[in-house]
C-alpha atoms as a PDB file:
ATOM      1  CA  MET A   1      -4.370   8.404 -26.682  1.00  0.00           C
ATOM      2  CA  ARG A   2      -6.822  10.947 -25.328  1.00  0.00           C
ATOM      3  CA  VAL A   3      -5.640  12.718 -22.195  1.00  0.00           C
ATOM      4  CA  VAL A   4      -7.641  15.166 -20.125  1.00  0.00           C
ATOM      5  CA  SER A   5      -5.367  17.123 -17.778  1.00  0.00           C
ATOM      6  CA  LEU A   6      -6.750  18.536 -14.566  1.00  0.00           C
ATOM      7  CA  VAL A   7      -5.217  21.622 -13.053  1.00  0.00           C
ATOM      8  CA  VAL A   8      -5.967  21.726  -9.348  1.00  0.00           C
ATOM      9  CA  LEU A   9      -6.857  25.273  -8.419  1.00  0.00           C
ATOM     10  CA  ALA A  10      -5.676  26.728  -5.155  1.00  0.00           C
ATOM     11  CA  SER A  11      -9.263  26.886  -3.900  1.00  0.00           C
ATOM     12  CA  ALA A  12      -9.603  23.128  -4.398  1.00  0.00           C
ATOM     13  CA  LEU A  13      -6.350  22.187  -2.686  1.00  0.00           C
ATOM     14  CA  LEU A  14      -6.618  21.986   1.073  1.00  0.00           C
ATOM     15  CA  VAL A  15      -3.632  21.225   3.289  1.00  0.00           C
ATOM     16  CA  VAL A  16      -4.384  20.218   6.884  1.00  0.00           C
ATOM     17  CA  ARG A  17      -1.510  20.541   9.339  1.00  0.00           C
ATOM     18  CA  PRO A  18      -0.993  17.942  12.074  1.00  0.00           C
ATOM     19  CA  VAL A  19      -2.474  18.466  15.531  1.00  0.00           C
ATOM     20  CA  PRO A  20      -1.617  15.158  17.209  1.00  0.00           C
ATOM     21  CA  ALA A  21      -3.592  14.340  20.325  1.00  0.00           C
ATOM     22  CA  GLN A  22      -0.914  12.416  22.216  1.00  0.00           C
ATOM     23  CA  GLY A  23      -1.954  10.203  25.114  1.00  0.00           C
ATOM     24  CA  GLU A  24      -5.448   9.476  23.836  1.00  0.00           C
ATOM     25  CA  ASP A  25      -6.484   5.841  23.615  1.00  0.00           C
ATOM     26  CA  LEU A  26      -8.712   4.929  20.677  1.00  0.00           C
ATOM     27  CA  LEU A  27     -10.787   2.533  22.721  1.00  0.00           C
ATOM     28  CA  ASP A  28     -13.259   1.884  19.920  1.00  0.00           C
ATOM     29  CA  LEU A  29     -10.490   0.188  17.921  1.00  0.00           C
ATOM     30  CA  MET A  30      -9.915  -3.508  18.460  1.00  0.00           C
ATOM     31  CA  GLY A  31      -7.204  -5.197  16.476  1.00  0.00           C
ATOM     32  CA  THR A  32      -3.539  -5.240  15.543  1.00  0.00           C
ATOM     33  CA  VAL A  33      -1.505  -2.897  13.379  1.00  0.00           C
ATOM     34  CA  TRP A  34       1.351  -4.765  11.697  1.00  0.00           C
ATOM     35  CA  VAL A  35       4.291  -2.612  10.587  1.00  0.00           C
ATOM     36  CA  THR A  36       7.539  -3.419   8.781  1.00  0.00           C
ATOM     37  CA  ASN A  37      10.732  -1.487   9.423  1.00  0.00           C
ATOM     38  CA  ARG A  38      13.036  -1.527   6.409  1.00  0.00           C
ATOM     39  CA  SER A  39      16.156  -0.270   8.232  1.00  0.00           C
ATOM     40  CA  LEU A  40      15.822  -2.381  11.408  1.00  0.00           C
ATOM     41  CA  ASN A  41      14.721  -5.553   9.554  1.00  0.00           C
ATOM     42  CA  THR A  42      11.871  -6.119  11.984  1.00  0.00           C
ATOM     43  CA  VAL A  43       8.094  -6.302  12.174  1.00  0.00           C
ATOM     44  CA  ALA A  44       6.203  -4.819  15.116  1.00  0.00           C
ATOM     45  CA  ALA A  45       2.660  -5.606  16.238  1.00  0.00           C
ATOM     46  CA  PHE A  46       0.809  -2.658  17.829  1.00  0.00           C
ATOM     47  CA  ASP A  47      -2.417  -2.729  19.793  1.00  0.00           C
ATOM     48  CA  ALA A  48      -4.573  -0.515  17.574  1.00  0.00           C
ATOM     49  CA  ALA A  49      -6.392   1.191  20.445  1.00  0.00           C
ATOM     50  CA  THR A  50      -3.474   2.035  22.733  1.00  0.00           C
ATOM     51  CA  GLY A  51      -0.315   1.831  20.619  1.00  0.00           C
ATOM     52  CA  ARG A  52       1.117  -0.712  23.055  1.00  0.00           C
ATOM     53  CA  VAL A  53       3.710  -2.860  21.300  1.00  0.00           C
ATOM     54  CA  ARG A  54       2.639  -6.484  21.541  1.00  0.00           C
ATOM     55  CA  GLY A  55       5.886  -7.763  20.115  1.00  0.00           C
ATOM     56  CA  VAL A  56       8.733  -7.276  17.671  1.00  0.00           C
ATOM     57  CA  VAL A  57      10.250 -10.009  15.505  1.00  0.00           C
ATOM     58  CA  GLY A  58      13.222 -10.095  13.167  1.00  0.00           C
ATOM     59  CA  VAL A  59      12.612 -10.932   9.505  1.00  0.00           C
ATOM     60  CA  GLY A  60      14.707 -10.779   6.323  1.00  0.00           C
ATOM     61  CA  ARG A  61      16.585  -7.768   5.013  1.00  0.00           C
ATOM     62  CA  ARG A  62      14.721  -4.598   4.029  1.00  0.00           C
ATOM     63  CA  PRO A  63      11.123  -5.698   4.714  1.00  0.00           C
ATOM     64  CA  ILE A  64       8.604  -3.743   2.650  1.00  0.00           C
ATOM     65  CA  GLY A  65       5.047  -5.027   2.119  1.00  0.00           C
ATOM     66  CA  ILE A  66       3.016  -6.867   4.749  1.00  0.00           C
ATOM     67  CA  ALA A  67      -0.360  -8.627   4.889  1.00  0.00           C
ATOM     68  CA  ALA A  68      -2.368 -10.753   7.323  1.00  0.00           C
ATOM     69  CA  PRO A  69      -4.876 -12.697   5.165  1.00  0.00           C
ATOM     70  CA  PRO A  70      -8.238 -13.374   6.793  1.00  0.00           C
ATOM     71  CA  GLY A  71      -8.492 -16.783   8.426  1.00  0.00           C
ATOM     72  CA  ALA A  72      -4.837 -17.677   7.857  1.00  0.00           C
ATOM     73  CA  GLY A  73      -3.565 -16.933  11.355  1.00  0.00           C
ATOM     74  CA  LYS A  74      -0.326 -15.829   9.717  1.00  0.00           C
ATOM     75  CA  VAL A  75       1.412 -12.652   8.566  1.00  0.00           C
ATOM     76  CA  TYR A  76       3.393 -12.401   5.328  1.00  0.00           C
ATOM     77  CA  VAL A  77       6.302  -9.982   4.876  1.00  0.00           C
ATOM     78  CA  ALA A  78       8.145  -9.152   1.644  1.00  0.00           C
ATOM     79  CA  ASP A  79      11.867  -9.152   2.480  1.00  0.00           C
ATOM     80  CA  GLU A  80      13.139  -7.186  -0.500  1.00  0.00           C
ATOM     81  CA  GLY A  81      16.808  -7.465   0.424  1.00  0.00           C
ATOM     82  CA  SER A  82      16.701 -11.220   1.056  1.00  0.00           C
ATOM     83  CA  ASN A  83      14.504 -12.301  -1.884  1.00  0.00           C
ATOM     84  CA  THR A  84      12.154 -14.041   0.528  1.00  0.00           C
ATOM     85  CA  VAL A  85       8.707 -13.693   2.053  1.00  0.00           C
ATOM     86  CA  SER A  86       8.737 -14.269   5.810  1.00  0.00           C
ATOM     87  CA  VAL A  87       5.796 -16.145   7.302  1.00  0.00           C
ATOM     88  CA  LEU A  88       4.982 -15.157  10.890  1.00  0.00           C
ATOM     89  CA  ALA A  89       2.577 -16.671  13.383  1.00  0.00           C
ATOM     90  CA  ALA A  90       0.019 -13.968  14.119  1.00  0.00           C
ATOM     91  CA  SER A  91      -0.256 -15.296  17.656  1.00  0.00           C
ATOM     92  CA  GLY A  92       3.109 -15.384  19.365  1.00  0.00           C
ATOM     93  CA  LEU A  93       4.996 -13.557  16.590  1.00  0.00           C
ATOM     94  CA  ALA A  94       7.323 -16.429  15.735  1.00  0.00           C
ATOM     95  CA  ARG A  95       8.957 -16.508  12.301  1.00  0.00           C
ATOM     96  CA  LEU A  96       7.727 -19.804  10.884  1.00  0.00           C
ATOM     97  CA  LYS A  97       9.313 -19.881   7.455  1.00  0.00           C
ATOM     98  CA  ALA A  98      11.088 -17.922   4.731  1.00  0.00           C
ATOM     99  CA  ILE A  99       9.669 -18.570   1.257  1.00  0.00           C
ATOM    100  CA  ALA A 100      12.155 -18.169  -1.610  1.00  0.00           C
ATOM    101  CA  MET A 101      10.927 -15.610  -4.138  1.00  0.00           C
ATOM    102  CA  GLY A 102      12.127 -13.896  -7.295  1.00  0.00           C
ATOM    103  CA  PRO A 103      14.379 -10.824  -7.024  1.00  0.00           C
ATOM    104  CA  MET A 104      13.314  -7.934  -4.770  1.00  0.00           C
ATOM    105  CA  PRO A 105       9.817  -8.884  -3.527  1.00  0.00           C
ATOM    106  CA  HIS A 106       8.141  -5.565  -2.828  1.00  0.00           C
ATOM    107  CA  HIS A 107       4.418  -4.823  -2.488  1.00  0.00           C
ATOM    108  CA  LEU A 108       2.143  -7.750  -1.730  1.00  0.00           C
ATOM    109  CA  PHE A 109      -1.642  -8.154  -1.589  1.00  0.00           C
ATOM    110  CA  HIS A 110      -3.916 -11.094  -0.835  1.00  0.00           C
ATOM    111  CA  ASP A 111      -7.155 -12.036  -2.560  1.00  0.00           C
ATOM    112  CA  ALA A 112     -10.492 -11.594  -0.789  1.00  0.00           C
ATOM    113  CA  ALA A 113     -10.539 -15.175   0.515  1.00  0.00           C
ATOM    114  CA  GLY A 114      -6.969 -15.005   1.802  1.00  0.00           C
ATOM    115  CA  ARG A 115      -5.938 -18.082  -0.197  1.00  0.00           C
ATOM    116  CA  PHE A 116      -3.365 -16.453  -2.487  1.00  0.00           C
ATOM    117  CA  ILE A 117      -0.847 -13.664  -2.010  1.00  0.00           C
ATOM    118  CA  TYR A 118       0.442 -11.766  -5.036  1.00  0.00           C
ATOM    119  CA  VAL A 119       3.976 -10.483  -4.603  1.00  0.00           C
ATOM    120  CA  ALA A 120       5.434  -7.950  -7.029  1.00  0.00           C
ATOM    121  CA  GLU A 121       9.036  -8.995  -7.684  1.00  0.00           C
ATOM    122  CA  PHE A 122      10.557  -5.591  -8.315  1.00  0.00           C
ATOM    123  CA  GLY A 123      13.827  -6.954  -9.647  1.00  0.00           C
ATOM    124  CA  SER A 124      11.980  -8.596 -12.555  1.00  0.00           C
ATOM    125  CA  ASN A 125       8.811  -8.415 -14.646  1.00  0.00           C
ATOM    126  CA  GLN A 126       7.054 -11.081 -12.607  1.00  0.00           C
ATOM    127  CA  ILE A 127       4.457 -11.553  -9.880  1.00  0.00           C
ATOM    128  CA  GLY A 128       5.103 -14.392  -7.437  1.00  0.00           C
ATOM    129  CA  VAL A 129       1.993 -16.226  -6.218  1.00  0.00           C
ATOM    130  CA  ILE A 130       1.979 -17.759  -2.724  1.00  0.00           C
ATOM    131  CA  ASP A 131      -0.604 -20.359  -1.691  1.00  0.00           C
ATOM    132  CA  THR A 132      -1.268 -19.669   2.003  1.00  0.00           C
ATOM    133  CA  THR A 133      -2.384 -23.263   2.633  1.00  0.00           C
ATOM    134  CA  LEU A 134       1.053 -24.506   1.539  1.00  0.00           C
ATOM    135  CA  ASP A 135       3.182 -21.440   2.281  1.00  0.00           C
ATOM    136  CA  GLU A 136       4.964 -21.924  -1.019  1.00  0.00           C
ATOM    137  CA  ARG A 137       5.494 -19.859  -4.159  1.00  0.00           C
ATOM    138  CA  VAL A 138       3.331 -21.944  -6.475  1.00  0.00           C
ATOM    139  CA  ARG A 139       3.860 -20.001  -9.696  1.00  0.00           C
ATOM    140  CA  GLY A 140       5.204 -16.876 -11.324  1.00  0.00           C
ATOM    141  CA  ILE A 141       3.138 -14.641 -13.578  1.00  0.00           C
ATOM    142  CA  VAL A 142       4.788 -12.547 -16.270  1.00  0.00           C
ATOM    143  CA  ALA A 143       3.465  -9.012 -15.801  1.00  0.00           C
ATOM    144  CA  SER A 144       5.036  -7.406 -18.877  1.00  0.00           C
ATOM    145  CA  ALA A 145       6.140  -8.399 -22.350  1.00  0.00           C
ATOM    146  CA  ASN A 146       9.184  -6.209 -21.744  1.00  0.00           C
ATOM    147  CA  PRO A 147      11.841  -8.405 -20.082  1.00  0.00           C
ATOM    148  CA  ALA A 148      13.511  -5.273 -18.679  1.00  0.00           C
ATOM    149  CA  ALA A 149      10.331  -4.132 -16.891  1.00  0.00           C
ATOM    150  CA  ARG A 150      10.206  -4.177 -13.080  1.00  0.00           C
ATOM    151  CA  THR A 151       6.927  -4.932 -11.332  1.00  0.00           C
ATOM    152  CA  HIS A 152       6.403  -2.675  -8.309  1.00  0.00           C
ATOM    153  CA  ALA A 153       2.890  -3.704  -7.236  1.00  0.00           C
ATOM    154  CA  ALA A 154       0.179  -6.154  -8.283  1.00  0.00           C
ATOM    155  CA  TRP A 155      -3.400  -5.672  -7.092  1.00  0.00           C
ATOM    156  CA  PRO A 156      -5.987  -8.506  -7.323  1.00  0.00           C
ATOM    157  CA  ALA A 157      -9.428  -7.184  -8.297  1.00  0.00           C
ATOM    158  CA  PRO A 158     -12.745  -8.818  -7.346  1.00  0.00           C
ATOM    159  CA  ASP A 159     -13.307  -9.719 -11.010  1.00  0.00           C
ATOM    160  CA  GLY A 160     -10.307 -12.074 -10.947  1.00  0.00           C
ATOM    161  CA  ARG A 161      -7.958  -9.840 -12.869  1.00  0.00           C
ATOM    162  CA  LEU A 162      -4.581  -8.616 -11.672  1.00  0.00           C
ATOM    163  CA  TYR A 163      -3.560  -5.017 -12.211  1.00  0.00           C
ATOM    164  CA  ALA A 164       0.185  -4.397 -12.136  1.00  0.00           C
ATOM    165  CA  ALA A 165       2.295  -1.233 -12.023  1.00  0.00           C
ATOM    166  CA  ASN A 166       5.537  -1.798 -13.930  1.00  0.00           C
ATOM    167  CA  ASP A 167       8.621   0.378 -14.171  1.00  0.00           C
ATOM    168  CA  PRO A 168       9.489   2.293 -16.203  1.00  0.00           C
ATOM    169  CA  ASP A 169       6.024   3.388 -17.405  1.00  0.00           C
ATOM    170  CA  GLU A 170       3.402   0.651 -17.697  1.00  0.00           C
ATOM    171  CA  LEU A 171       0.006  -0.469 -16.415  1.00  0.00           C
ATOM    172  CA  ALA A 172      -0.628  -4.167 -17.081  1.00  0.00           C
ATOM    173  CA  VAL A 173      -3.895  -6.114 -16.906  1.00  0.00           C
ATOM    174  CA  ILE A 174      -3.633  -9.869 -16.378  1.00  0.00           C
ATOM    175  CA  ASP A 175      -6.075 -12.783 -16.200  1.00  0.00           C
ATOM    176  CA  GLY A 176      -5.486 -13.991 -12.652  1.00  0.00           C
ATOM    177  CA  ALA A 177      -6.741 -17.531 -13.302  1.00  0.00           C
ATOM    178  CA  THR A 178      -4.569 -18.275 -16.336  1.00  0.00           C
ATOM    179  CA  GLY A 179      -1.771 -15.768 -15.837  1.00  0.00           C
ATOM    180  CA  ARG A 180      -2.269 -14.508 -19.386  1.00  0.00           C
ATOM    181  CA  LEU A 181      -1.193 -10.921 -20.017  1.00  0.00           C
ATOM    182  CA  LEU A 182      -4.283  -9.236 -21.500  1.00  0.00           C
ATOM    183  CA  TRP A 183      -3.011  -5.741 -22.318  1.00  0.00           C
ATOM    184  CA  THR A 184      -0.653  -2.992 -21.260  1.00  0.00           C
ATOM    185  CA  LEU A 185      -0.736   0.796 -21.427  1.00  0.00           C
ATOM    186  CA  PRO A 186       2.029   3.417 -20.992  1.00  0.00           C
ATOM    187  CA  VAL A 187       0.953   5.630 -18.085  1.00  0.00           C
ATOM    188  CA  GLY A 188       3.978   7.780 -17.274  1.00  0.00           C
ATOM    189  CA  ARG A 189       7.237   7.770 -15.336  1.00  0.00           C
ATOM    190  CA  ALA A 190       7.537   5.330 -12.435  1.00  0.00           C
ATOM    191  CA  PRO A 191       4.019   3.997 -11.793  1.00  0.00           C
ATOM    192  CA  ARG A 192       3.867   2.682  -8.264  1.00  0.00           C
ATOM    193  CA  GLU A 193       0.442   1.252  -7.469  1.00  0.00           C
ATOM    194  CA  VAL A 194      -2.922   0.668  -9.027  1.00  0.00           C
ATOM    195  CA  THR A 195      -6.446   0.117  -7.790  1.00  0.00           C
ATOM    196  CA  VAL A 196      -9.818  -0.110  -9.525  1.00  0.00           C
ATOM    197  CA  SER A 197     -13.049   1.769  -8.825  1.00  0.00           C
ATOM    198  CA  PRO A 198     -15.778  -0.287  -7.121  1.00  0.00           C
ATOM    199  CA  ASP A 199     -17.819  -0.364 -10.340  1.00  0.00           C
ATOM    200  CA  GLY A 200     -14.842  -1.838 -12.220  1.00  0.00           C
ATOM    201  CA  ARG A 201     -14.810   0.888 -14.883  1.00  0.00           C
ATOM    202  CA  LEU A 202     -11.721   2.903 -13.980  1.00  0.00           C
ATOM    203  CA  ALA A 203      -8.201   2.142 -12.834  1.00  0.00           C
ATOM    204  CA  TYR A 204      -6.276   4.659 -10.737  1.00  0.00           C
ATOM    205  CA  VAL A 205      -2.481   4.581 -11.034  1.00  0.00           C
ATOM    206  CA  SER A 206      -0.034   6.474  -8.819  1.00  0.00           C
ATOM    207  CA  VAL A 207       2.764   7.845 -11.014  1.00  0.00           C
ATOM    208  CA  ARG A 208       5.543   8.863  -8.660  1.00  0.00           C
ATOM    209  CA  ASP A 209       7.898  10.795 -10.901  1.00  0.00           C
ATOM    210  CA  GLU A 210       5.065  12.943 -12.262  1.00  0.00           C
ATOM    211  CA  ASP A 211       3.400  13.585  -8.859  1.00  0.00           C
ATOM    212  CA  LYS A 212       0.052  12.495 -10.309  1.00  0.00           C
ATOM    213  CA  VAL A 213      -2.674   9.921 -10.124  1.00  0.00           C
ATOM    214  CA  LYS A 214      -3.773   8.904 -13.612  1.00  0.00           C
ATOM    215  CA  VAL A 215      -7.252   7.595 -14.347  1.00  0.00           C
ATOM    216  CA  VAL A 216      -7.593   4.875 -16.982  1.00  0.00           C
ATOM    217  CA  ASP A 217     -10.871   3.908 -18.645  1.00  0.00           C
ATOM    218  CA  LEU A 218     -10.629   0.116 -18.722  1.00  0.00           C
ATOM    219  CA  GLN A 219     -13.016  -0.281 -21.640  1.00  0.00           C
ATOM    220  CA  SER A 220     -11.365   2.195 -24.013  1.00  0.00           C
ATOM    221  CA  ARG A 221      -7.908   1.551 -22.520  1.00  0.00           C
ATOM    222  CA  THR A 222      -7.055   5.228 -22.457  1.00  0.00           C
ATOM    223  CA  ILE A 223      -5.979   7.740 -19.847  1.00  0.00           C
ATOM    224  CA  VAL A 224      -8.980   9.985 -19.277  1.00  0.00           C
ATOM    225  CA  ARG A 225      -7.674  12.238 -16.512  1.00  0.00           C
ATOM    226  CA  GLU A 226      -4.456  13.253 -14.768  1.00  0.00           C
ATOM    227  CA  VAL A 227      -4.689  14.598 -11.207  1.00  0.00           C
ATOM    228  CA  PRO A 228      -1.737  16.359  -9.508  1.00  0.00           C
ATOM    229  CA  VAL A 229      -1.778  15.139  -5.892  1.00  0.00           C
ATOM    230  CA  GLY A 230       1.602  16.037  -4.393  1.00  0.00           C
ATOM    231  CA  THR A 231       5.144  14.693  -4.292  1.00  0.00           C
ATOM    232  CA  GLY A 232       5.705  10.996  -4.908  1.00  0.00           C
ATOM    233  CA  PRO A 233       2.281   9.318  -4.709  1.00  0.00           C
ATOM    234  CA  GLU A 234       2.442   5.662  -3.695  1.00  0.00           C
ATOM    235  CA  GLN A 235      -0.233   3.486  -2.096  1.00  0.00           C
ATOM    236  CA  LEU A 236      -3.884   3.836  -3.164  1.00  0.00           C
ATOM    237  CA  ILE A 237      -6.884   2.645  -1.135  1.00  0.00           C
ATOM    238  CA  PHE A 238     -10.554   3.431  -1.749  1.00  0.00           C
ATOM    239  CA  MET A 239     -12.811   4.243   1.158  1.00  0.00           C
ATOM    240  CA  ARG A 240     -16.112   2.383   1.454  1.00  0.00           C
ATOM    241  CA  ASP A 241     -18.029   5.250  -0.137  1.00  0.00           C
ATOM    242  CA  GLY A 242     -16.436   4.242  -3.444  1.00  0.00           C
ATOM    243  CA  ARG A 243     -15.621   7.880  -4.082  1.00  0.00           C
ATOM    244  CA  THR A 244     -12.756   8.868  -1.782  1.00  0.00           C
ATOM    245  CA  LEU A 245      -9.288   7.615  -2.660  1.00  0.00           C
ATOM    246  CA  THR A 246      -6.611   7.726   0.047  1.00  0.00           C
ATOM    247  CA  ILE A 247      -3.012   8.132  -1.125  1.00  0.00           C
ATOM    248  CA  THR A 248       0.315   8.198   0.698  1.00  0.00           C
ATOM    249  CA  LEU A 249       3.012  10.541  -0.586  1.00  0.00           C
ATOM    250  CA  ARG A 250       6.751   9.776  -0.474  1.00  0.00           C
ATOM    251  CA  GLY A 251       7.705  13.443  -0.394  1.00  0.00           C
ATOM    252  CA  VAL A 252       8.766  15.629   2.534  1.00  0.00           C
ATOM    253  CA  PRO A 253       7.047  16.100   4.977  1.00  0.00           C
ATOM    254  CA  ALA A 254       4.956  12.974   5.488  1.00  0.00           C
ATOM    255  CA  GLN A 255       1.516  13.438   3.951  1.00  0.00           C
ATOM    256  CA  VAL A 256      -1.647  11.509   3.196  1.00  0.00           C
ATOM    257  CA  VAL A 257      -4.006  12.714   0.473  1.00  0.00           C
ATOM    258  CA  PHE A 258      -7.786  12.328   0.287  1.00  0.00           C
ATOM    259  CA  LEU A 259      -8.883  12.578  -3.341  1.00  0.00           C
ATOM    260  CA  ASP A 260     -12.569  13.034  -4.152  1.00  0.00           C
ATOM    261  CA  THR A 261     -12.881  11.111  -7.426  1.00  0.00           C
ATOM    262  CA  ALA A 262     -16.145  12.871  -8.313  1.00  0.00           C
ATOM    263  CA  THR A 263     -14.976  16.480  -7.911  1.00  0.00           C
ATOM    264  CA  PHE A 264     -11.196  15.832  -7.955  1.00  0.00           C
ATOM    265  CA  GLN A 265     -10.712  18.031  -4.907  1.00  0.00           C
ATOM    266  CA  VAL A 266      -7.471  17.115  -3.122  1.00  0.00           C
ATOM    267  CA  THR A 267      -7.194  17.361   0.677  1.00  0.00           C
ATOM    268  CA  THR A 268      -3.702  16.850   2.096  1.00  0.00           C
ATOM    269  CA  VAL A 269      -3.070  15.911   5.727  1.00  0.00           C
ATOM    270  CA  GLU A 270       0.412  16.425   7.144  1.00  0.00           C
ATOM    271  CA  ALA A 271       1.181  13.436   9.333  1.00  0.00           C
ATOM    272  CA  GLY A 272       4.209  14.516  11.379  1.00  0.00           C
ATOM    273  CA  GLY A 273       7.126  12.557   9.901  1.00  0.00           C
ATOM    274  CA  ARG A 274       9.845  13.146   7.325  1.00  0.00           C
ATOM    275  CA  THR A 275       8.106  11.002   4.735  1.00  0.00           C
ATOM    276  CA  ALA A 276       5.276   8.477   4.620  1.00  0.00           C
ATOM    277  CA  GLY A 277       5.446   4.800   3.781  1.00  0.00           C
ATOM    278  CA  HIS A 278       2.365   2.655   3.238  1.00  0.00           C
ATOM    279  CA  HIS A 279      -1.021   3.044   4.903  1.00  0.00           C
ATOM    280  CA  TRP A 280      -4.142   1.035   5.746  1.00  0.00           C
ATOM    281  CA  LEU A 281      -7.750   1.888   6.643  1.00  0.00           C
ATOM    282  CA  THR A 282      -9.970   0.518   9.367  1.00  0.00           C
ATOM    283  CA  PRO A 283     -12.986  -1.350   7.918  1.00  0.00           C
ATOM    284  CA  ASP A 284     -15.356   1.429   8.989  1.00  0.00           C
ATOM    285  CA  ASP A 285     -13.096   4.089   7.406  1.00  0.00           C
ATOM    286  CA  ARG A 286     -12.805   6.032  10.653  1.00  0.00           C
ATOM    287  CA  TYR A 287      -9.008   5.911  10.801  1.00  0.00           C
ATOM    288  CA  THR A 288      -5.970   5.604   8.564  1.00  0.00           C
ATOM    289  CA  PHE A 289      -2.779   4.040   9.905  1.00  0.00           C
ATOM    290  CA  VAL A 290       0.317   5.362   8.138  1.00  0.00           C
ATOM    291  CA  ALA A 291       4.013   4.516   8.489  1.00  0.00           C
ATOM    292  CA  LEU A 292       6.110   7.578   9.348  1.00  0.00           C
ATOM    293  CA  GLU A 293       9.852   8.027   9.034  1.00  0.00           C
ATOM    294  CA  GLY A 294      11.637  10.602  11.257  1.00  0.00           C
ATOM    295  CA  PRO A 295      12.834  13.089  12.275  1.00  0.00           C
ATOM    296  CA  VAL A 296       9.698  14.598  13.883  1.00  0.00           C
ATOM    297  CA  GLN A 297       8.733  11.148  15.025  1.00  0.00           C
ATOM    298  CA  LEU A 298      11.807   8.920  14.993  1.00  0.00           C
ATOM    299  CA  GLY A 299       9.945   6.080  13.378  1.00  0.00           C
ATOM    300  CA  ALA A 300       6.249   5.899  14.200  1.00  0.00           C
ATOM    301  CA  VAL A 301       2.780   4.863  13.088  1.00  0.00           C
ATOM    302  CA  GLY A 302       0.424   7.795  12.629  1.00  0.00           C
ATOM    303  CA  VAL A 303      -3.306   7.455  13.203  1.00  0.00           C
ATOM    304  CA  ILE A 304      -5.341   9.868  11.091  1.00  0.00           C
ATOM    305  CA  ASP A 305      -8.930  10.738  11.956  1.00  0.00           C
ATOM    306  CA  ASN A 306     -10.462  10.506   8.498  1.00  0.00           C
ATOM    307  CA  ALA A 307     -13.603  12.533   9.234  1.00  0.00           C
ATOM    308  CA  ARG A 308     -11.665  15.451  10.724  1.00  0.00           C
ATOM    309  CA  ARG A 309      -8.731  15.066   8.331  1.00  0.00           C
ATOM    310  CA  ARG A 310      -6.123  15.380  11.071  1.00  0.00           C
ATOM    311  CA  LEU A 311      -3.434  13.359  12.807  1.00  0.00           C
ATOM    312  CA  ARG A 312      -5.015  11.964  15.949  1.00  0.00           C
ATOM    313  CA  ILE A 313      -2.015  10.263  17.586  1.00  0.00           C
ATOM    314  CA  ALA A 314       1.349   8.686  16.732  1.00  0.00           C
ATOM    315  CA  TYR A 315       2.647   5.373  18.080  1.00  0.00           C
ATOM    316  CA  PRO A 316       6.489   5.279  18.314  1.00  0.00           C
ATOM    317  CA  TYR A 317       8.176   2.313  16.646  1.00  0.00           C
ATOM    318  CA  PRO A 318      10.632   0.511  18.988  1.00  0.00           C
ATOM    319  CA  GLY A 319      14.108   1.634  18.022  1.00  0.00           C
ATOM    320  CA  GLY A 320      12.920   4.243  15.523  1.00  0.00           C
ATOM    321  CA  GLY A 321      14.238   3.302  12.093  1.00  0.00           C
ATOM    322  CA  GLN A 322      12.196   3.477   8.896  1.00  0.00           C
ATOM    323  CA  PRO A 323       8.677   2.040   9.274  1.00  0.00           C
ATOM    324  CA  HIS A 324       7.311   1.298   5.828  1.00  0.00           C
ATOM    325  CA  GLY A 325       4.619  -1.365   5.309  1.00  0.00           C
ATOM    326  CA  VAL A 326       1.342  -1.249   7.263  1.00  0.00           C
ATOM    327  CA  TYR A 327      -1.589  -3.642   7.602  1.00  0.00           C
ATOM    328  CA  TYR A 328      -4.497  -3.333  10.046  1.00  0.00           C
ATOM    329  CA  GLN A 329      -6.017  -6.614  11.214  1.00  0.00           C
ATOM    330  CA  PRO A 330      -9.314  -6.113  13.071  1.00  0.00           C
ATOM    331  CA  LEU A 331     -10.189  -8.438  15.955  1.00  0.00           C
ATOM    332  CA  ARG A 332     -12.945 -10.736  14.771  1.00  0.00           C
END
């Protein structure tokens, strides 16, 4: 395997400290920020512009991932401690159903059409597939030939493939239509998430225990670059420019990284909490919503101004706790 290591020089590493502008409404934002709280076992719906809490609903134990597929009118929550996915009504915030899943459902993502949700079942080597028209787990996909592997996240790409991050050290590529495992690659200790460049050539994998993002050439199936980004990288989301990768870090304090995938410059924004959970971008890339655990904010949702690379405001979570999963649903 050919590996090109990148040493980030001090001149290329920029850390931006938080300057929250409390009390400012973001009146250009219209939509809902959905947030799970893994210690309170709740989901809260925030007005994106004002931070007003529209409602809080109880779900299963230790809720982690969350998604509101387009057109579904529902919100799906991975209840890791209950082995279920809760289905919520987006309007009214009622808990409609609990779908039985495999062990420890963790990250979840929906396809572009919102028809299927792919749930990484972290207590196994499988991905559970939910049909949102039925609200049932319609099949399980084996994400690793290693029966002891644990699937942390599964990301559906536009080309129909699934990309999975498996503990202890594996990237897996799967045919989403057939569920056939195409190939795997060792990528390092504790891979957490994966996403693919807009041109489909490169996969980016967050490797938590090595504090790196690793870049995989999907044609040669080799790691072509390793980028140190900070402590405990987790969720990965590309901005619309196809060049900037946003990354949450699970270290202390709470931080979000902006990685330029052309120059590999790393810009780190301190977000005001003890550690960060997941994050989500607005469709125009103006803001990042990030889950923050205390103690600076005793459970909050941070709003980062992406252009200025600073914390704009923080919305307190009712009751504090440990906010973790985030999904922004724009008003259509």
